[in-house]
Amino acid sequence: MILKFLRNALLAVVVSLFITACSDDSDVEPEASGDDAGADSGSQEIAFATSSDAVGLSPIDTNDSVSAYMLEQLYDTLFVHNPETMEIEPHLVDTYEALDDTTWEFKLKEDVLFHDGTPLNAEAVKYTFEQLLDEERAAPRASLLEPVESIEVEDEYTVVINTKEPYGPLLAALSHVNASIVSPEADESGDIMTEPVGSGPFKFDSWASSDNIVLTKNEDYFKGVPELDKVTMHVIPEYASAVGMLETGQVDFLPNIPSEHIPRIEEMEETELDLTPGTGINYLALNMEKEPFNNLEFRKAVSHAIDRDEYVEQLNGAGIKNNSIIGPEVFGYDESAQEFDYDYDMEESQKLIEENGFDETPITLLVANEGHFVLMSEIVQAQLMEAGFDVNIEMMEWGAFLEEAAAGNYEMAFVSWANSTADGSELFYPNLHSDNIDATNRARYNNEAFDTLVEQSRTTIDQDERLDLLHEINEFATNDAVWVPMHHTNVSVGYHESVNNLRISPNTSFSLYEVSIDE
């Protein structure tokens, strides 16, 4: 019964994430793509673009969407989400069983090799997960396995995971890209942030910082040799340039397209545009360790000043408005949550500002130079200033933004969460539980009653009880104005019609293993 419930309850729902691509196409040599792919040698090559470089290529040490694009090609996880049904399916695992509420046994596929030729076995899984949990290593997504008490090697291909308490979202956590299995030998002897060694369908070839990352196919991949010979991710800071490269065939696809470029891509010949409901959320975070951002009246004034309908109208289908922090594609969503939140009310905002003197405090809004964040900052700055706030924007590159936000070096900031597990508990725990201050809790929210509710939602295995708890947590967080939910994402991808089998999941993850290019 436990296993049956967990399999049903842990259906994942959607993969989202948020970044895409751009720069001066004069700086990038055209890739063989579209009708020209493989014209000289029959080589199958694909290229795509992002607007920022990867932070690193270690699943243990990163937690950003651009890095994840590459990690998903380089590494494997024990489980994966089916991109069409979002059900959780075994990947590196042959069979698994919940021996009791807190003990899980996983039998791995045999003869899977890392790119360095070493075996992916139970010892490698144990090593990876213990590194993810190592306090000294301070992995940004250690929260995925926080309930794990120990990992045991039963035999070469059998690993047992013991949890402190029943952990409902365990299989969802094991499907997350940051739970990818790494080569212990490579991690101990080198730096997998820059020289990654996984077991995935593609191997690392080269990384020209702020320019491109190149992968080549893994001839020994356990599922069979990929169709593609080469994968190139170009870093193109100016998104208009990236769109031009898609139009001229210099890149084959663009993930997570900023809203202002969607109409242009819709009009392109020989190009397809997909918009799919996703699991991600974009939100305004206020640093609750600083005055007056830790004042609920201040947060209410900010919330009432923001007309999110005006903002969402400009997304051209790339997102939807919903007052709920839990999105419609995430486990734990209840339609009644649409009635939560502090709706747009400029008069009420101005009243709160005047009564509390909030107009006397200059505010700096920290913004990453990425797609929707730029649009959000322009609209929200204007609305907050109309209400009476004094707001300046500080724009910075993606990697620097992540460091500053994680360290709490900001007052207000726009943040995005892909919610790759598609589970409400794994939205609230990493983002708002006090355990994750200095990591993924960007708002630095610390509330004991809230923490207790989140912990209860993770440790029960009763589906209905979890739904009720998540609805209660959602209302708690919304009433406390912990975030201003700007929009829930629709996953967008534009691709040349010659590209086959490109499927981007609701949480914006994608595997290029089955992709091919029409010659």
Protein backbone atom coordinates (compact mmCIF):
# COMPACT_ATOMS: atom_id res chain seq x y z
CA MET A 1 0.00 0.00 0.00
CA ILE A 2 2.81 2.40 0.90
CA LEU A 3 4.62 1.83 -2.36
CA LYS A 4 1.44 2.06 -4.42
CA PHE A 5 0.52 5.32 -2.76
CA LEU A 6 3.95 6.84 -3.17
CA ARG A 7 4.07 5.94 -6.82
CA ASN A 8 0.73 7.67 -7.35
CA ALA A 9 1.42 10.61 -5.08
CA LEU A 10 4.80 11.26 -6.58
CA LEU A 11 3.63 11.77 -10.10
CA ALA A 12 5.62 14.70 -11.16
CA VAL A 13 4.09 17.41 -13.04
CA VAL A 14 6.02 19.58 -15.24
CA VAL A 15 9.35 20.86 -15.76
CA SER A 16 10.08 24.45 -15.85
CA LEU A 17 13.01 26.71 -15.63
CA PHE A 18 13.69 29.99 -17.04
CA ILE A 19 16.59 31.15 -19.17
CA THR A 20 17.35 31.40 -22.84
CA ALA A 21 19.64 32.96 -25.29
CA CYS A 22 21.25 35.83 -27.09
CA SER A 23 24.27 37.84 -28.54
CA ASP A 24 25.81 39.34 -31.58
CA ASP A 25 25.61 36.72 -34.31
CA SER A 26 28.73 38.16 -35.88
CA ASP A 27 30.69 36.57 -33.02
CA VAL A 28 29.38 33.05 -33.62
CA GLU A 29 30.33 30.75 -36.45
CA PRO A 30 27.22 29.21 -38.03
CA GLU A 31 26.49 25.67 -36.92
CA ALA A 32 25.51 22.99 -39.38
CA SER A 33 21.78 22.90 -38.68
CA GLY A 34 18.42 22.72 -40.33
CA ASP A 35 18.67 21.76 -44.00
CA ASP A 36 22.46 22.09 -43.86
CA ALA A 37 22.97 19.68 -40.96
CA GLY A 38 25.54 17.09 -41.83
CA ALA A 39 25.91 18.33 -45.41
CA ASP A 40 29.64 17.60 -45.49
CA SER A 41 30.06 14.45 -43.46
CA GLY A 42 26.64 13.23 -42.41
CA SER A 43 27.39 14.42 -38.88
CA GLN A 44 24.31 15.06 -36.74
CA GLU A 45 24.89 18.30 -34.85
CA ILE A 46 22.56 20.53 -32.88
CA ALA A 47 23.07 23.99 -31.43
CA PHE A 48 21.01 26.12 -29.07
CA ALA A 49 21.51 29.41 -27.28
CA THR A 50 21.19 30.83 -23.78
CA SER A 51 21.64 34.38 -22.58
CA SER A 52 23.97 33.38 -19.73
CA ASP A 53 26.79 30.92 -19.27
CA ALA A 54 26.52 27.88 -17.03
CA VAL A 55 27.62 28.44 -13.44
CA GLY A 56 29.31 25.04 -13.43
CA LEU A 57 28.96 21.45 -14.63
CA SER A 58 28.71 19.60 -11.32
CA PRO A 59 25.19 18.57 -10.27
CA ILE A 60 26.33 18.60 -6.64
CA ASP A 61 27.62 22.17 -6.68
CA THR A 62 25.13 24.06 -8.89
CA ASN A 63 21.47 25.01 -8.83
CA ASP A 64 20.64 27.07 -11.89
CA SER A 65 18.75 26.44 -15.09
CA VAL A 66 21.52 27.07 -17.61
CA SER A 67 23.85 24.63 -15.89
CA ALA A 68 20.95 22.16 -15.77
CA TYR A 69 20.64 22.25 -19.57
CA MET A 70 24.11 20.71 -19.80
CA LEU A 71 23.85 18.49 -16.72
CA GLU A 72 20.83 16.73 -18.20
CA GLN A 73 22.92 15.68 -21.20
CA LEU A 74 26.05 14.73 -19.22
CA TYR A 75 24.60 12.80 -16.29
CA ASP A 76 21.91 10.30 -15.34
CA THR A 77 19.55 10.13 -12.36
CA LEU A 78 18.04 7.09 -10.65
CA PHE A 79 14.58 8.17 -11.81
CA VAL A 80 13.20 10.50 -14.48
CA HIS A 81 9.92 12.23 -15.20
CA ASN A 82 8.15 11.05 -18.32
CA PRO A 83 8.00 14.33 -20.33
CA GLU A 84 4.49 13.59 -21.58
CA THR A 85 2.75 12.08 -18.54
CA MET A 86 5.11 13.50 -15.88
CA GLU A 87 4.99 10.15 -14.10
CA ILE A 88 8.15 9.17 -12.27
CA GLU A 89 9.88 6.26 -13.99
CA PRO A 90 13.03 4.22 -13.16
CA HIS A 91 16.09 5.19 -15.19
CA LEU A 92 19.33 3.89 -13.65
CA VAL A 93 17.21 1.59 -11.49
CA ASP A 94 16.01 -1.87 -12.54
CA THR A 95 13.73 -2.51 -9.57
CA TYR A 96 12.96 -0.78 -6.28
CA GLU A 97 10.93 -1.43 -3.19
CA ALA A 98 9.84 0.35 -0.03
CA LEU A 99 10.81 -2.22 2.61
CA ASP A 100 9.01 -0.14 5.23
CA ASP A 101 8.04 3.52 5.77
CA THR A 102 11.67 4.66 6.07
CA THR A 103 13.70 2.06 4.15
CA TRP A 104 14.04 1.93 0.37
CA GLU A 105 15.97 -0.64 -1.66
CA PHE A 106 17.13 0.15 -5.21
CA LYS A 107 18.67 -2.38 -7.56
CA LEU A 108 20.70 -0.58 -10.23
CA LYS A 109 21.14 -1.43 -13.87
CA GLU A 110 24.40 -3.30 -14.32
CA ASP A 111 27.29 -2.45 -16.64
CA VAL A 112 26.56 1.30 -16.78
CA LEU A 113 29.87 3.16 -17.18
CA PHE A 114 30.91 6.71 -16.46
CA HIS A 115 32.65 8.59 -19.25
CA ASP A 116 36.00 7.85 -17.59
CA GLY A 117 35.34 4.11 -17.86
CA THR A 118 34.68 3.53 -14.14
CA PRO A 119 31.49 1.67 -13.11
CA LEU A 120 28.30 3.37 -12.01
CA ASN A 121 27.44 1.13 -9.08
CA ALA A 122 26.05 1.30 -5.56
CA GLU A 123 29.29 2.80 -4.25
CA ALA A 124 28.97 5.64 -6.78
CA VAL A 125 25.39 6.34 -5.71
CA LYS A 126 26.39 6.31 -2.04
CA TYR A 127 29.33 8.62 -2.75
CA THR A 128 27.22 11.09 -4.74
CA PHE A 129 24.44 11.35 -2.19
CA GLU A 130 26.83 11.66 0.74
CA GLN A 131 28.60 14.49 -1.08
CA LEU A 132 25.23 16.15 -1.68
CA LEU A 133 24.59 15.96 2.06
CA ASP A 134 28.10 16.94 3.18
CA GLU A 135 27.81 20.15 5.24
CA GLU A 136 31.35 21.20 4.35
CA ARG A 137 30.63 20.93 0.64
CA ALA A 138 27.45 22.98 1.14
CA ALA A 139 25.62 21.71 -1.93
CA PRO A 140 22.92 24.24 -2.88
CA ARG A 141 20.31 21.49 -3.33
CA ALA A 142 21.20 19.39 -0.29
CA SER A 143 17.58 19.89 0.75
CA LEU A 144 16.58 17.24 -1.79
CA LEU A 145 17.97 14.56 0.51
CA GLU A 146 17.68 16.32 3.88
CA PRO A 147 15.41 13.57 5.32
CA VAL A 148 17.98 10.86 4.47
CA GLU A 149 19.66 9.33 7.50
CA SER A 150 22.04 6.93 5.75
CA ILE A 151 22.91 5.30 2.44
CA GLU A 152 24.08 1.67 2.52
CA VAL A 153 25.73 -0.52 -0.11
CA GLU A 154 24.13 -3.96 0.09
CA ASP A 155 26.05 -5.37 -2.87
CA GLU A 156 27.70 -4.01 -6.01
CA TYR A 157 24.42 -2.96 -7.62
CA THR A 158 22.07 -2.67 -4.63
CA VAL A 159 21.79 0.49 -2.56
CA VAL A 160 19.53 1.08 0.45
CA ILE A 161 18.38 4.55 1.50
CA ASN A 162 17.20 5.02 5.08
CA THR A 163 15.22 8.14 5.95
CA LYS A 164 14.74 9.68 9.39
CA GLU A 165 10.99 9.75 8.90
CA PRO A 166 8.67 8.74 6.06
CA TYR A 167 9.62 10.95 3.09
CA GLY A 168 6.76 11.26 0.62
CA PRO A 169 8.63 13.06 -2.20
CA LEU A 170 11.71 10.77 -2.20
CA LEU A 171 11.34 9.43 -5.75
CA ALA A 172 10.61 12.95 -7.01
CA ALA A 173 13.82 14.13 -5.32
CA LEU A 174 15.80 11.29 -6.93
CA SER A 175 14.56 12.41 -10.36
CA HIS A 176 15.94 15.93 -9.89
CA VAL A 177 18.92 16.88 -12.04
CA ASN A 178 20.89 17.85 -8.93
CA ALA A 179 20.59 14.25 -7.74
CA SER A 180 22.52 13.07 -10.82
CA ILE A 181 25.19 10.45 -10.14
CA VAL A 182 28.82 11.56 -10.55
CA SER A 183 32.02 9.59 -11.02
CA PRO A 184 33.64 9.35 -7.56
CA GLU A 185 37.09 9.02 -9.11
CA ALA A 186 36.65 12.16 -11.22
CA ASP A 187 35.23 14.16 -8.32
CA GLU A 188 38.02 13.15 -5.94
CA SER A 189 40.87 13.66 -8.41
CA GLY A 190 39.69 16.74 -10.31
CA ASP A 191 37.15 19.53 -10.55
CA ILE A 192 33.88 18.34 -12.06
CA MET A 193 32.63 21.91 -12.13
CA THR A 194 34.87 22.44 -15.16
CA GLU A 195 35.73 18.85 -16.17
CA PRO A 196 32.47 16.95 -15.67
CA VAL A 197 32.31 13.14 -15.76
CA GLY A 198 28.88 11.56 -15.82
CA SER A 199 27.29 8.57 -17.51
CA GLY A 200 24.87 10.44 -19.76
CA PRO A 201 24.33 10.27 -23.53
CA PHE A 202 26.87 13.05 -24.16
CA LYS A 203 30.42 13.62 -22.95
CA PHE A 204 32.15 16.88 -22.16
CA ASP A 205 34.36 18.21 -24.94
CA SER A 206 35.17 21.88 -24.27
CA TRP A 207 34.06 25.04 -22.50
CA ALA A 208 35.01 28.49 -23.76
CA SER A 209 33.87 30.66 -20.87
CA SER A 210 31.07 33.11 -21.76
CA ASP A 211 31.07 31.76 -25.31
CA ASN A 212 30.07 28.11 -25.71
CA ILE A 213 30.03 24.60 -24.26
CA VAL A 214 30.50 21.63 -26.58
CA LEU A 215 29.51 18.01 -25.92
CA THR A 216 30.05 14.91 -28.05
CA LYS A 217 28.07 11.67 -28.10
CA ASN A 218 28.79 8.85 -25.69
CA GLU A 219 29.40 5.78 -27.84
CA ASP A 220 29.02 3.56 -24.76
CA TYR A 221 25.75 4.95 -23.44
CA PHE A 222 23.79 2.21 -21.68
CA LYS A 223 20.58 2.93 -23.62
CA GLY A 224 22.33 2.96 -27.00
CA VAL A 225 24.34 5.45 -29.05
CA PRO A 226 22.61 8.87 -29.44
CA GLU A 227 21.58 10.09 -32.90
CA LEU A 228 23.41 13.39 -32.41
CA ASP A 229 27.19 13.52 -32.74
CA LYS A 230 27.65 16.97 -31.23
CA VAL A 231 25.76 19.41 -29.00
CA THR A 232 26.75 23.08 -28.70
CA MET A 233 25.32 25.61 -26.28
CA HIS A 234 26.09 29.18 -27.35
CA VAL A 235 26.07 32.05 -24.86
CA ILE A 236 24.36 34.97 -26.61
CA PRO A 237 23.71 37.86 -24.18
CA GLU A 238 21.48 39.83 -26.57
CA TYR A 239 18.37 37.75 -27.08
CA ALA A 240 17.39 39.48 -30.32
CA SER A 241 20.62 38.14 -31.79
CA ALA A 242 19.75 34.62 -30.65
CA VAL A 243 16.36 34.88 -32.35
CA GLY A 244 18.11 36.03 -35.51
CA MET A 245 20.40 33.01 -35.29
CA LEU A 246 17.37 30.71 -35.09
CA GLU A 247 15.91 32.39 -38.15
CA THR A 248 19.12 32.03 -40.17
CA GLY A 249 19.86 28.47 -39.02
CA GLN A 250 22.87 29.22 -36.83
CA VAL A 251 21.08 27.59 -33.91
CA ASP A 252 18.41 24.90 -34.07
CA PHE A 253 16.33 25.76 -31.02
CA LEU A 254 15.82 28.28 -28.22
CA PRO A 255 14.40 27.24 -24.82
CA ASN A 256 12.48 29.58 -22.50
CA ILE A 257 11.84 32.39 -24.92
CA PRO A 258 11.33 35.86 -23.43
CA SER A 259 7.79 37.04 -24.05
CA GLU A 260 8.69 39.98 -26.26
CA HIS A 261 10.28 37.66 -28.82
CA ILE A 262 7.42 35.17 -29.08
CA PRO A 263 5.50 37.10 -31.80
CA ARG A 264 8.58 37.22 -34.02
CA ILE A 265 9.21 33.49 -33.68
CA GLU A 266 5.54 32.74 -34.40
CA GLU A 267 5.94 34.47 -37.76
CA MET A 268 9.13 32.66 -38.81
CA GLU A 269 8.97 30.21 -41.67
CA GLU A 270 10.19 26.64 -41.06
CA THR A 271 10.09 27.27 -37.30
CA GLU A 272 7.80 25.76 -34.68
CA LEU A 273 6.77 27.34 -31.36
CA ASP A 274 5.52 25.26 -28.42
CA LEU A 275 3.91 26.74 -25.29
CA THR A 276 3.14 24.19 -22.56
CA PRO A 277 1.84 24.75 -18.99
CA GLY A 278 4.79 24.43 -16.63
CA THR A 279 5.68 23.99 -12.97
CA GLY A 280 7.81 27.11 -12.56
CA ILE A 281 7.05 30.31 -10.71
CA ASN A 282 8.57 33.79 -11.02
CA TYR A 283 8.20 35.93 -7.92
CA LEU A 284 9.29 39.07 -6.10
CA ALA A 285 11.21 38.25 -2.92
CA LEU A 286 11.77 40.67 -0.05
CA ASN A 287 14.71 40.16 2.30
CA MET A 288 13.10 39.52 5.66
CA GLU A 289 16.32 40.02 7.58
CA LYS A 290 16.27 43.73 6.71
CA GLU A 291 14.05 46.65 7.70
CA PRO A 292 11.40 47.52 6.58
CA PHE A 293 11.11 44.42 4.37
CA ASN A 294 10.45 42.25 7.44
CA ASN A 295 7.41 44.43 8.23
CA LEU A 296 4.16 42.80 7.06
CA GLU A 297 2.57 46.22 6.46
CA PHE A 298 5.45 47.08 4.12
CA ARG A 299 5.04 43.81 2.24
CA LYS A 300 1.30 44.42 1.94
CA ALA A 301 1.97 47.88 0.52
CA VAL A 302 4.30 46.40 -2.08
CA SER A 303 1.83 43.66 -3.02
CA HIS A 304 -1.09 46.07 -3.38
CA ALA A 305 1.00 48.37 -5.62
CA ILE A 306 1.76 45.73 -8.26
CA ASP A 307 -0.74 45.24 -11.08
CA ARG A 308 0.17 41.73 -12.18
CA ASP A 309 -2.59 41.65 -14.79
CA GLU A 310 -0.79 44.44 -16.66
CA TYR A 311 2.45 42.48 -16.46
CA VAL A 312 1.04 39.08 -17.51
CA GLU A 313 -0.69 40.64 -20.53
CA GLN A 314 2.77 41.42 -21.90
CA LEU A 315 4.01 37.81 -21.64
CA ASN A 316 2.40 36.80 -24.96
CA GLY A 317 1.36 33.45 -23.53
CA ALA A 318 4.61 32.69 -21.69
CA GLY A 319 2.91 32.76 -18.29
CA ILE A 320 -0.32 33.01 -16.34
CA LYS A 321 -1.42 34.96 -13.28
CA ASN A 322 -2.44 33.00 -10.19
CA ASN A 323 -2.38 34.27 -6.63
CA SER A 324 -1.42 30.81 -5.38
CA ILE A 325 2.25 30.15 -4.69
CA ILE A 326 1.67 26.51 -5.66
CA GLY A 327 1.03 26.46 -9.41
CA PRO A 328 -1.78 24.58 -11.19
CA GLU A 329 0.66 21.91 -12.46
CA VAL A 330 2.15 21.17 -9.03
CA PHE A 331 1.03 18.57 -6.49
CA GLY A 332 -0.80 20.39 -3.71
CA TYR A 333 -2.61 22.97 -5.83
CA ASP A 334 -6.18 23.87 -4.87
CA GLU A 335 -8.26 26.16 -7.10
CA SER A 336 -9.52 28.11 -4.09
CA ALA A 337 -5.97 29.41 -3.59
CA GLN A 338 -6.63 31.82 -6.45
CA GLU A 339 -8.50 33.89 -3.87
CA PHE A 340 -5.41 34.28 -1.68
CA ASP A 341 -2.93 37.16 -1.79
CA TYR A 342 -3.14 40.95 -1.61
CA ASP A 343 -4.60 42.01 -4.95
CA TYR A 344 -3.77 45.19 -6.82
CA ASP A 345 -5.17 48.17 -4.90
CA MET A 346 -3.19 51.36 -5.48
CA GLU A 347 -5.22 53.40 -2.99
CA GLU A 348 -4.62 50.87 -0.21
CA SER A 349 -0.91 50.75 -1.05
CA GLN A 350 -0.59 54.54 -0.92
CA LYS A 351 -2.49 54.59 2.37
CA LEU A 352 -0.11 52.05 3.95
CA ILE A 353 2.93 53.96 2.62
CA GLU A 354 1.71 57.26 4.04
CA GLU A 355 0.70 55.81 7.43
CA ASN A 356 4.07 54.10 7.92
CA GLY A 357 6.46 56.51 6.19
CA PHE A 358 7.62 53.85 3.76
CA ASP A 359 8.29 56.52 1.11
CA GLU A 360 11.29 57.70 3.15
CA THR A 361 13.29 54.50 2.52
CA PRO A 362 15.12 54.17 -0.83
CA ILE A 363 14.75 50.63 -2.23
CA THR A 364 17.19 48.79 -4.49
CA LEU A 365 15.68 46.11 -6.70
CA LEU A 366 18.22 43.44 -7.63
CA VAL A 367 17.62 41.99 -11.11
CA ALA A 368 19.36 39.39 -13.25
CA ASN A 369 19.87 40.34 -16.89
CA GLU A 370 17.58 37.51 -18.03
CA GLY A 371 14.40 37.49 -20.11
CA HIS A 372 11.33 37.93 -17.93
CA PHE A 373 13.27 39.47 -15.06
CA VAL A 374 14.08 42.57 -17.09
CA LEU A 375 10.44 43.05 -18.10
CA MET A 376 9.31 42.48 -14.51
CA SER A 377 11.74 45.05 -13.17
CA GLU A 378 10.67 47.76 -15.60
CA ILE A 379 6.96 47.31 -14.93
CA VAL A 380 7.23 46.85 -11.16
CA GLN A 381 9.61 49.77 -10.66
CA ALA A 382 7.14 52.07 -12.41
CA GLN A 383 4.19 50.77 -10.39
CA LEU A 384 6.00 50.98 -7.05
CA MET A 385 7.13 54.53 -7.78
CA GLU A 386 3.57 55.47 -8.73
CA ALA A 387 2.49 54.21 -5.30
CA GLY A 388 5.10 56.41 -3.61
CA PHE A 389 8.11 54.14 -3.14
CA ASP A 390 11.62 55.28 -4.12
CA VAL A 391 12.97 52.39 -6.23
CA ASN A 392 16.25 51.93 -8.12
CA ILE A 393 17.23 48.90 -10.22
CA GLU A 394 20.57 47.13 -9.92
CA MET A 395 21.09 44.80 -12.90
CA MET A 396 23.75 42.09 -12.91
CA GLU A 397 24.92 38.96 -14.74
CA TRP A 398 23.21 35.68 -13.84
CA GLY A 399 26.00 34.00 -11.87
CA ALA A 400 26.72 37.12 -9.83
CA PHE A 401 22.99 37.57 -9.17
CA LEU A 402 22.71 34.03 -7.78
CA GLU A 403 25.63 34.61 -5.40
CA GLU A 404 24.29 37.91 -4.12
CA ALA A 405 20.73 36.59 -3.67
CA ALA A 406 21.88 33.43 -1.85
CA ALA A 407 24.05 35.50 0.48
CA GLY A 408 21.19 37.89 1.26
CA ASN A 409 22.99 40.89 -0.25
CA TYR A 410 19.84 42.54 -1.55
CA GLU A 411 16.64 44.25 -0.42
CA MET A 412 14.14 43.07 -3.04
CA ALA A 413 14.82 40.74 -5.97
CA PHE A 414 13.07 38.84 -8.72
CA VAL A 415 13.60 35.11 -8.45
CA SER A 416 12.48 32.08 -10.43
CA TRP A 417 12.00 28.48 -9.27
CA ALA A 418 11.58 25.70 -11.82
CA ASN A 419 10.06 23.29 -9.28
CA SER A 420 11.50 20.29 -11.11
CA THR A 421 10.05 17.84 -8.59
CA ALA A 422 6.53 19.19 -9.27
CA ASP A 423 5.73 18.67 -5.59
CA GLY A 424 4.46 21.43 -3.28
CA SER A 425 6.50 20.24 -0.30
CA GLU A 426 9.65 20.52 -2.40
CA LEU A 427 8.63 24.04 -3.37
CA PHE A 428 8.12 25.28 0.17
CA TYR A 429 10.94 23.44 1.94
CA PRO A 430 13.92 24.65 -0.15
CA ASN A 431 12.50 28.13 -0.73
CA LEU A 432 10.95 29.18 2.56
CA HIS A 433 12.00 26.78 5.35
CA SER A 434 14.57 28.27 7.74
CA ASP A 435 16.91 25.30 7.16
CA ASN A 436 17.73 26.78 3.76
CA ILE A 437 18.60 30.35 4.66
CA ASP A 438 21.98 31.07 2.99
CA ALA A 439 21.06 28.57 0.26
CA THR A 440 17.77 28.52 -1.67
CA ASN A 441 15.61 30.45 0.84
CA ARG A 442 16.23 33.76 -0.92
CA ALA A 443 13.65 35.63 1.19
CA ARG A 444 15.48 34.41 4.32
CA TYR A 445 12.10 33.63 5.81
CA ASN A 446 12.20 32.23 9.35
CA ASN A 447 8.91 31.23 10.94
CA GLU A 448 8.72 28.29 13.33
CA ALA A 449 4.99 27.60 12.82
CA PHE A 450 5.46 27.61 9.05
CA ASP A 451 8.49 25.30 9.31
CA THR A 452 6.46 22.80 11.33
CA LEU A 453 3.69 22.66 8.74
CA VAL A 454 6.18 22.15 5.90
CA GLU A 455 7.89 19.33 7.80
CA GLN A 456 4.52 17.63 8.34
CA SER A 457 3.76 17.81 4.62
CA ARG A 458 7.00 16.00 3.84
CA THR A 459 6.70 13.22 6.41
CA THR A 460 3.16 11.99 5.87
CA ILE A 461 2.47 9.38 3.21
CA ASP A 462 -1.28 9.97 3.15
CA GLN A 463 -2.09 11.75 -0.09
CA ASP A 464 -5.21 13.54 1.13
CA GLU A 465 -3.43 14.67 4.28
CA ARG A 466 -0.57 16.09 2.23
CA LEU A 467 -3.00 17.98 0.00
CA ASP A 468 -4.73 19.51 3.02
CA LEU A 469 -1.42 20.47 4.60
CA LEU A 470 -0.07 22.02 1.42
CA HIS A 471 -3.23 24.09 1.02
CA GLU A 472 -2.82 25.32 4.61
CA ILE A 473 0.86 26.13 4.02
CA ASN A 474 -0.01 27.96 0.82
CA GLU A 475 -2.54 30.13 2.67
CA PHE A 476 -0.11 30.76 5.55
CA ALA A 477 2.67 31.92 3.23
CA THR A 478 0.36 34.05 1.11
CA ASN A 479 -1.22 35.80 4.10
CA ASP A 480 2.26 36.58 5.39
CA ALA A 481 3.14 38.06 1.97
CA VAL A 482 6.36 36.04 1.80
CA TRP A 483 6.42 36.52 -1.99
CA VAL A 484 4.56 38.41 -4.66
CA PRO A 485 3.81 35.67 -7.24
CA MET A 486 4.42 37.45 -10.57
CA HIS A 487 3.52 34.58 -12.90
CA HIS A 488 3.43 30.82 -13.26
CA THR A 489 5.33 29.75 -16.33
CA ASN A 490 4.27 28.31 -19.62
CA VAL A 491 7.29 26.49 -21.02
CA SER A 492 8.27 27.97 -24.38
CA VAL A 493 10.58 26.58 -27.04
CA GLY A 494 11.17 27.64 -30.62
CA TYR A 495 12.86 25.14 -32.95
CA HIS A 496 13.61 24.55 -36.62
CA GLU A 497 11.21 22.12 -38.26
CA SER A 498 14.13 19.83 -39.13
CA VAL A 499 14.56 18.98 -35.44
CA ASN A 500 12.88 15.71 -34.43
CA ASN A 501 11.85 14.43 -30.99
CA LEU A 502 12.71 17.59 -29.06
CA ARG A 503 10.50 17.49 -25.97
CA ILE A 504 10.86 20.05 -23.21
CA SER A 505 9.10 19.02 -20.01
CA PRO A 506 6.84 21.28 -17.95
CA ASN A 507 9.80 22.02 -15.64
CA THR A 508 11.88 23.06 -18.69
CA SER A 509 14.24 20.12 -18.50
CA PHE A 510 15.08 18.34 -21.72
CA SER A 511 17.14 15.40 -22.93
CA LEU A 512 18.69 15.45 -26.39
CA TYR A 513 19.27 11.69 -26.38
CA GLU A 514 16.46 10.88 -28.84
CA VAL A 515 16.79 14.04 -30.93
CA SER A 516 17.84 13.91 -34.56
CA ILE A 517 18.10 16.37 -37.45
CA ASP A 518 16.51 15.82 -40.85
CA GLU A 519 19.22 15.91 -43.49
